[in-house]
Amino acid sequence: MIHNERTKLTATYLNTAAGGLFTAGVIAPVAAATFGVSGAVGGPSALTLVGGVAIVLGCSVGLHLLARTVPKGLKP
């Protein structure tokens, strides 16, 4: 039972990290660009914004998919 709980905890951690990465790297920059909030003078170009969001989105999806494979190690 301890092994199964640790496995579930690992999957939860990875999925939470994926959600946090999505929020910080996709939602926040898109919202900042939409509402004209920028820390740098002039802000990033549209290409930089789209590229960065795509990279972070890919990493977030990768973490989520990894989290989905972890429960396969559960013992009956």
C-alpha atoms as a PDB file:
ATOM      1  CA  MET A   1       0.000   0.000   0.000  1.00  0.00           C
ATOM      2  CA  ILE A   2       2.823   2.399   0.769  1.00  0.00           C
ATOM      3  CA  HIS A   3       4.273   1.886  -2.721  1.00  0.00           C
ATOM      4  CA  ASN A   4       0.921   2.716  -4.334  1.00  0.00           C
ATOM      5  CA  GLU A   5       0.471   5.875  -2.268  1.00  0.00           C
ATOM      6  CA  ARG A   6       3.976   7.059  -3.122  1.00  0.00           C
ATOM      7  CA  THR A   7       3.316   6.359  -6.793  1.00  0.00           C
ATOM      8  CA  LYS A   8       0.080   8.364  -6.685  1.00  0.00           C
ATOM      9  CA  LEU A   9       1.845  11.181  -4.846  1.00  0.00           C
ATOM     10  CA  THR A  10       4.514  11.313  -7.563  1.00  0.00           C
ATOM     11  CA  ALA A  11       1.868  11.452 -10.294  1.00  0.00           C
ATOM     12  CA  THR A  12       0.041  14.230  -8.440  1.00  0.00           C
ATOM     13  CA  TYR A  13       3.256  16.210  -8.026  1.00  0.00           C
ATOM     14  CA  LEU A  14       4.088  15.967 -11.740  1.00  0.00           C
ATOM     15  CA  ASN A  15       0.568  16.932 -12.774  1.00  0.00           C
ATOM     16  CA  THR A  16       0.575  19.906 -10.387  1.00  0.00           C
ATOM     17  CA  ALA A  17       3.929  21.015 -11.802  1.00  0.00           C
ATOM     18  CA  ALA A  18       2.438  20.771 -15.304  1.00  0.00           C
ATOM     19  CA  GLY A  19      -0.505  22.938 -14.248  1.00  0.00           C
ATOM     20  CA  GLY A  20       1.740  25.529 -12.618  1.00  0.00           C
ATOM     21  CA  LEU A  21       3.984  25.652 -15.657  1.00  0.00           C
ATOM     22  CA  PHE A  22       0.946  26.128 -17.891  1.00  0.00           C
ATOM     23  CA  THR A  23      -0.368  28.952 -15.724  1.00  0.00           C
ATOM     24  CA  ALA A  24       2.960  30.779 -15.425  1.00  0.00           C
ATOM     25  CA  GLY A  25       4.215  30.176 -18.953  1.00  0.00           C
ATOM     26  CA  VAL A  26       1.065  30.270 -21.070  1.00  0.00           C
ATOM     27  CA  ILE A  27      -1.804  32.027 -19.307  1.00  0.00           C
ATOM     28  CA  ALA A  28       0.220  34.822 -17.693  1.00  0.00           C
ATOM     29  CA  PRO A  29       2.144  35.951 -20.814  1.00  0.00           C
ATOM     30  CA  VAL A  30      -0.945  35.795 -23.013  1.00  0.00           C
ATOM     31  CA  ALA A  31      -2.959  37.787 -20.472  1.00  0.00           C
ATOM     32  CA  ALA A  32      -0.147  40.337 -20.129  1.00  0.00           C
ATOM     33  CA  ALA A  33       0.050  40.757 -23.900  1.00  0.00           C
ATOM     34  CA  THR A  34      -3.725  40.991 -24.209  1.00  0.00           C
ATOM     35  CA  PHE A  35      -4.031  43.710 -21.590  1.00  0.00           C
ATOM     36  CA  GLY A  36      -0.861  45.556 -22.601  1.00  0.00           C
ATOM     37  CA  VAL A  37       1.083  44.825 -19.413  1.00  0.00           C
ATOM     38  CA  SER A  38       4.805  44.518 -20.027  1.00  0.00           C
ATOM     39  CA  GLY A  39       7.855  44.648 -17.785  1.00  0.00           C
ATOM     40  CA  ALA A  40      10.269  45.511 -20.574  1.00  0.00           C
ATOM     41  CA  VAL A  41      10.153  48.630 -22.686  1.00  0.00           C
ATOM     42  CA  GLY A  42       8.078  47.786 -25.749  1.00  0.00           C
ATOM     43  CA  GLY A  43       7.521  44.188 -24.589  1.00  0.00           C
ATOM     44  CA  PRO A  44       8.406  41.052 -26.503  1.00  0.00           C
ATOM     45  CA  SER A  45       7.627  40.682 -30.178  1.00  0.00           C
ATOM     46  CA  ALA A  46       4.664  38.558 -31.189  1.00  0.00           C
ATOM     47  CA  LEU A  47       7.008  35.888 -32.547  1.00  0.00           C
ATOM     48  CA  THR A  48       8.909  35.716 -29.259  1.00  0.00           C
ATOM     49  CA  LEU A  49       5.666  35.501 -27.309  1.00  0.00           C
ATOM     50  CA  VAL A  50       4.239  32.739 -29.499  1.00  0.00           C
ATOM     51  CA  GLY A  51       7.519  30.818 -29.495  1.00  0.00           C
ATOM     52  CA  GLY A  52       7.909  31.015 -25.741  1.00  0.00           C
ATOM     53  CA  VAL A  53       4.308  30.025 -25.125  1.00  0.00           C
ATOM     54  CA  ALA A  54       4.652  27.073 -27.522  1.00  0.00           C
ATOM     55  CA  ILE A  55       7.793  25.819 -25.777  1.00  0.00           C
ATOM     56  CA  VAL A  56       6.285  26.116 -22.304  1.00  0.00           C
ATOM     57  CA  LEU A  57       3.022  24.538 -23.481  1.00  0.00           C
ATOM     58  CA  GLY A  58       4.982  21.596 -24.885  1.00  0.00           C
ATOM     59  CA  CYS A  59       6.846  21.155 -21.603  1.00  0.00           C
ATOM     60  CA  SER A  60       3.599  21.329 -19.643  1.00  0.00           C
ATOM     61  CA  VAL A  61       1.960  18.709 -21.856  1.00  0.00           C
ATOM     62  CA  GLY A  62       5.079  16.540 -21.543  1.00  0.00           C
ATOM     63  CA  LEU A  63       4.937  16.687 -17.742  1.00  0.00           C
ATOM     64  CA  HIS A  64       1.232  15.864 -17.788  1.00  0.00           C
ATOM     65  CA  LEU A  65       1.801  12.872 -20.067  1.00  0.00           C
ATOM     66  CA  LEU A  66       4.613  11.703 -17.793  1.00  0.00           C
ATOM     67  CA  ALA A  67       2.255  12.007 -14.828  1.00  0.00           C
ATOM     68  CA  ARG A  68      -0.246   9.808 -16.692  1.00  0.00           C
ATOM     69  CA  THR A  69       2.321   7.040 -17.079  1.00  0.00           C
ATOM     70  CA  VAL A  70       3.355   6.949 -13.423  1.00  0.00           C
ATOM     71  CA  PRO A  71       0.204   5.126 -12.161  1.00  0.00           C
ATOM     72  CA  LYS A  72       1.064   2.202 -14.431  1.00  0.00           C
ATOM     73  CA  GLY A  73       3.547   1.245 -11.695  1.00  0.00           C
ATOM     74  CA  LEU A  74       0.764   0.644  -9.171  1.00  0.00           C
ATOM     75  CA  LYS A  75       0.732  -2.787  -7.609  1.00  0.00           C
ATOM     76  CA  PRO A  76      -2.519  -4.764  -7.325  1.00  0.00           C
END
